[in-house]
Amino acid sequence: SEHVGVVRNAAGLSHACAHIEGAIRAHGAANAFIAAQLIAQAALAREESRGAHFRSDFPALGPVARRTFLTGANAGAQN
């Protein structure tokens, strides 16, 4: 939660993604690691502040809320 908490930024989210990738390599793709990976990568891809989560490097709302999908198949492409 240090880097993927309510207040986030690209540096912290990137650090979290790398840490999670290391855990997956070391311990295998457990469901908890996959869920953490999807959450961190989706947060990194969203470059706006919306709802309860705040991007300190992108403090403004985007012009239009848009729905996005992230799956295990395309999760690695977000890095």
N, C-alpha and C. Protein backbone atom coordinates (compact mmCIF):
# COMPACT_ATOMS: atom_id res chain seq x y z
N SER A 1 0.82 -1.21 0.00
CA SER A 1 0.00 0.00 0.00
C SER A 1 0.85 1.26 0.00
N GLU A 2 2.15 1.13 0.21
CA GLU A 2 3.03 2.31 0.21
C GLU A 2 3.02 3.01 -1.15
N HIS A 3 3.03 2.27 -2.23
CA HIS A 3 3.11 2.86 -3.56
C HIS A 3 1.82 2.78 -4.36
N VAL A 4 0.86 1.98 -3.91
CA VAL A 4 -0.39 1.80 -4.64
C VAL A 4 -1.57 2.14 -3.72
N GLY A 5 -1.37 3.13 -2.88
CA GLY A 5 -2.41 3.55 -1.95
C GLY A 5 -3.32 4.59 -2.58
N VAL A 6 -3.94 5.38 -1.74
CA VAL A 6 -4.88 6.39 -2.22
C VAL A 6 -4.15 7.49 -2.99
N VAL A 7 -2.99 7.93 -2.50
CA VAL A 7 -2.17 8.92 -3.21
C VAL A 7 -1.05 8.16 -3.90
N ARG A 8 -0.95 8.33 -5.22
CA ARG A 8 0.01 7.57 -6.02
C ARG A 8 0.71 8.47 -7.01
N ASN A 9 1.80 7.95 -7.59
CA ASN A 9 2.47 8.64 -8.69
C ASN A 9 3.18 7.58 -9.54
N ALA A 10 3.64 7.99 -10.71
CA ALA A 10 4.23 7.04 -11.66
C ALA A 10 5.46 6.35 -11.09
N ALA A 11 6.30 7.08 -10.38
CA ALA A 11 7.52 6.47 -9.83
C ALA A 11 7.18 5.37 -8.83
N GLY A 12 6.27 5.65 -7.93
CA GLY A 12 5.88 4.65 -6.94
C GLY A 12 5.17 3.46 -7.56
N LEU A 13 4.28 3.73 -8.51
CA LEU A 13 3.56 2.65 -9.18
C LEU A 13 4.52 1.78 -9.99
N SER A 14 5.49 2.39 -10.65
CA SER A 14 6.49 1.63 -11.41
C SER A 14 7.31 0.76 -10.47
N HIS A 15 7.69 1.32 -9.32
CA HIS A 15 8.43 0.56 -8.31
C HIS A 15 7.60 -0.64 -7.84
N ALA A 16 6.33 -0.42 -7.57
CA ALA A 16 5.44 -1.50 -7.13
C ALA A 16 5.32 -2.57 -8.20
N CYS A 17 5.16 -2.16 -9.46
CA CYS A 17 5.06 -3.14 -10.56
C CYS A 17 6.31 -4.00 -10.65
N ALA A 18 7.48 -3.38 -10.52
CA ALA A 18 8.74 -4.13 -10.57
C ALA A 18 8.85 -5.09 -9.39
N HIS A 19 8.45 -4.65 -8.21
CA HIS A 19 8.48 -5.49 -7.01
C HIS A 19 7.56 -6.70 -7.17
N ILE A 20 6.37 -6.47 -7.69
CA ILE A 20 5.41 -7.55 -7.90
C ILE A 20 5.94 -8.54 -8.94
N GLU A 21 6.53 -8.02 -10.03
CA GLU A 21 7.12 -8.90 -11.05
C GLU A 21 8.20 -9.78 -10.43
N GLY A 22 9.02 -9.20 -9.56
CA GLY A 22 10.06 -9.98 -8.88
C GLY A 22 9.46 -11.07 -8.00
N ALA A 23 8.39 -10.74 -7.31
CA ALA A 23 7.72 -11.73 -6.46
C ALA A 23 7.15 -12.87 -7.29
N ILE A 24 6.59 -12.53 -8.45
CA ILE A 24 6.04 -13.56 -9.34
C ILE A 24 7.16 -14.47 -9.85
N ARG A 25 8.29 -13.88 -10.24
CA ARG A 25 9.42 -14.69 -10.72
C ARG A 25 9.95 -15.59 -9.61
N ALA A 26 10.01 -15.07 -8.39
CA ALA A 26 10.58 -15.82 -7.28
C ALA A 26 9.63 -16.88 -6.72
N HIS A 27 8.34 -16.59 -6.70
CA HIS A 27 7.40 -17.45 -5.98
C HIS A 27 6.29 -18.05 -6.85
N GLY A 28 6.22 -17.65 -8.10
CA GLY A 28 5.17 -18.17 -8.97
C GLY A 28 3.98 -17.21 -9.03
N ALA A 29 3.11 -17.48 -9.99
CA ALA A 29 1.98 -16.59 -10.27
C ALA A 29 0.77 -16.92 -9.40
N ALA A 30 0.90 -16.68 -8.11
CA ALA A 30 -0.22 -16.88 -7.19
C ALA A 30 -1.30 -15.85 -7.48
N ASN A 31 -2.54 -16.20 -7.18
CA ASN A 31 -3.66 -15.30 -7.45
C ASN A 31 -3.46 -13.92 -6.82
N ALA A 32 -2.94 -13.86 -5.61
CA ALA A 32 -2.73 -12.57 -4.95
C ALA A 32 -1.73 -11.71 -5.72
N PHE A 33 -0.68 -12.33 -6.25
CA PHE A 33 0.31 -11.58 -7.03
C PHE A 33 -0.30 -11.08 -8.34
N ILE A 34 -1.10 -11.90 -8.98
CA ILE A 34 -1.73 -11.49 -10.24
C ILE A 34 -2.70 -10.34 -10.00
N ALA A 35 -3.49 -10.42 -8.93
CA ALA A 35 -4.41 -9.33 -8.60
C ALA A 35 -3.65 -8.05 -8.31
N ALA A 36 -2.56 -8.15 -7.54
CA ALA A 36 -1.75 -6.97 -7.23
C ALA A 36 -1.15 -6.38 -8.50
N GLN A 37 -0.69 -7.25 -9.41
CA GLN A 37 -0.11 -6.80 -10.67
C GLN A 37 -1.14 -6.03 -11.50
N LEU A 38 -2.34 -6.57 -11.61
CA LEU A 38 -3.39 -5.90 -12.39
C LEU A 38 -3.76 -4.55 -11.78
N ILE A 39 -3.87 -4.49 -10.47
CA ILE A 39 -4.22 -3.23 -9.80
C ILE A 39 -3.14 -2.18 -10.02
N ALA A 40 -1.89 -2.55 -9.81
CA ALA A 40 -0.78 -1.59 -9.96
C ALA A 40 -0.64 -1.12 -11.40
N GLN A 41 -0.76 -2.03 -12.36
CA GLN A 41 -0.60 -1.65 -13.76
C GLN A 41 -1.77 -0.81 -14.25
N ALA A 42 -2.97 -1.11 -13.78
CA ALA A 42 -4.13 -0.29 -14.15
C ALA A 42 -3.99 1.11 -13.56
N ALA A 43 -3.51 1.20 -12.33
CA ALA A 43 -3.30 2.52 -11.70
C ALA A 43 -2.24 3.32 -12.44
N LEU A 44 -1.19 2.65 -12.90
CA LEU A 44 -0.14 3.33 -13.66
C LEU A 44 -0.66 3.82 -15.01
N ALA A 45 -1.53 3.06 -15.63
CA ALA A 45 -2.07 3.44 -16.94
C ALA A 45 -3.04 4.61 -16.84
N ARG A 46 -3.72 4.79 -15.71
CA ARG A 46 -4.70 5.88 -15.55
C ARG A 46 -3.96 7.15 -15.17
N GLU A 47 -3.85 8.07 -16.09
CA GLU A 47 -3.12 9.32 -15.86
C GLU A 47 -4.07 10.46 -15.56
N GLU A 48 -4.84 10.29 -14.48
CA GLU A 48 -5.74 11.33 -13.99
C GLU A 48 -6.09 10.98 -12.56
N SER A 49 -6.69 11.91 -11.87
CA SER A 49 -7.23 11.65 -10.54
C SER A 49 -8.74 11.58 -10.68
N ARG A 50 -9.31 10.50 -10.19
CA ARG A 50 -10.76 10.32 -10.30
C ARG A 50 -11.21 9.46 -9.13
N GLY A 51 -12.32 9.84 -8.53
CA GLY A 51 -12.83 9.07 -7.40
C GLY A 51 -11.94 9.23 -6.18
N ALA A 52 -11.76 8.18 -5.44
CA ALA A 52 -11.00 8.24 -4.19
C ALA A 52 -9.49 8.22 -4.41
N HIS A 53 -9.02 7.79 -5.56
CA HIS A 53 -7.59 7.68 -5.79
C HIS A 53 -7.04 8.93 -6.46
N PHE A 54 -5.89 9.39 -5.97
CA PHE A 54 -5.31 10.65 -6.41
C PHE A 54 -3.92 10.39 -6.98
N ARG A 55 -3.70 10.81 -8.22
CA ARG A 55 -2.37 10.76 -8.82
C ARG A 55 -1.70 12.09 -8.58
N SER A 56 -0.69 12.12 -7.73
CA SER A 56 -0.02 13.38 -7.41
C SER A 56 0.67 13.98 -8.64
N ASP A 57 1.03 13.15 -9.62
CA ASP A 57 1.63 13.64 -10.85
C ASP A 57 0.59 13.98 -11.92
N PHE A 58 -0.66 13.61 -11.71
CA PHE A 58 -1.77 13.96 -12.60
C PHE A 58 -2.97 14.34 -11.72
N PRO A 59 -2.95 15.53 -11.11
CA PRO A 59 -3.98 15.88 -10.13
C PRO A 59 -5.35 16.20 -10.72
N ALA A 60 -5.45 16.45 -12.00
CA ALA A 60 -6.73 16.87 -12.60
C ALA A 60 -7.54 15.68 -13.10
N LEU A 61 -8.84 15.88 -13.19
CA LEU A 61 -9.72 14.91 -13.85
C LEU A 61 -9.46 14.94 -15.34
N GLY A 62 -9.61 13.81 -15.99
CA GLY A 62 -9.59 13.80 -17.44
C GLY A 62 -10.87 14.45 -17.94
N PRO A 63 -10.91 14.87 -19.21
CA PRO A 63 -12.10 15.55 -19.72
C PRO A 63 -13.35 14.69 -19.70
N VAL A 64 -13.19 13.39 -19.93
CA VAL A 64 -14.33 12.48 -19.96
C VAL A 64 -13.90 11.17 -19.29
N ALA A 65 -14.75 10.67 -18.40
CA ALA A 65 -14.47 9.36 -17.81
C ALA A 65 -14.64 8.31 -18.89
N ARG A 66 -13.70 7.40 -18.97
CA ARG A 66 -13.83 6.35 -19.97
C ARG A 66 -13.59 5.01 -19.30
N ARG A 67 -14.24 4.03 -19.83
CA ARG A 67 -14.14 2.68 -19.29
C ARG A 67 -12.97 1.98 -19.96
N THR A 68 -12.14 1.33 -19.16
CA THR A 68 -11.00 0.60 -19.71
C THR A 68 -11.01 -0.82 -19.16
N PHE A 69 -10.34 -1.71 -19.85
CA PHE A 69 -10.24 -3.09 -19.43
C PHE A 69 -8.78 -3.51 -19.44
N LEU A 70 -8.37 -4.20 -18.42
CA LEU A 70 -7.02 -4.74 -18.33
C LEU A 70 -7.16 -6.21 -17.99
N THR A 71 -6.54 -7.07 -18.77
CA THR A 71 -6.60 -8.50 -18.53
C THR A 71 -5.19 -9.03 -18.32
N GLY A 72 -5.09 -10.24 -17.88
CA GLY A 72 -3.78 -10.86 -17.72
C GLY A 72 -3.01 -10.93 -19.02
N ALA A 73 -3.73 -11.07 -20.13
CA ALA A 73 -3.08 -11.16 -21.44
C ALA A 73 -2.38 -9.87 -21.84
N ASN A 74 -2.93 -8.72 -21.46
CA ASN A 74 -2.31 -7.46 -21.87
C ASN A 74 -1.72 -6.69 -20.69
N ALA A 75 -1.67 -7.27 -19.52
CA ALA A 75 -1.16 -6.57 -18.33
C ALA A 75 0.29 -6.17 -18.49
N GLY A 76 1.13 -7.06 -18.99
CA GLY A 76 2.55 -6.75 -19.14
C GLY A 76 2.82 -5.62 -20.11
N ALA A 77 1.92 -5.36 -21.04
CA ALA A 77 2.11 -4.29 -22.02
C ALA A 77 1.98 -2.91 -21.41
N GLN A 78 1.46 -2.82 -20.18
CA GLN A 78 1.25 -1.52 -19.55
C GLN A 78 2.54 -0.96 -18.96
N ASN A 79 3.59 -1.77 -18.79
CA ASN A 79 4.83 -1.29 -18.17
C ASN A 79 5.59 -0.39 -19.10
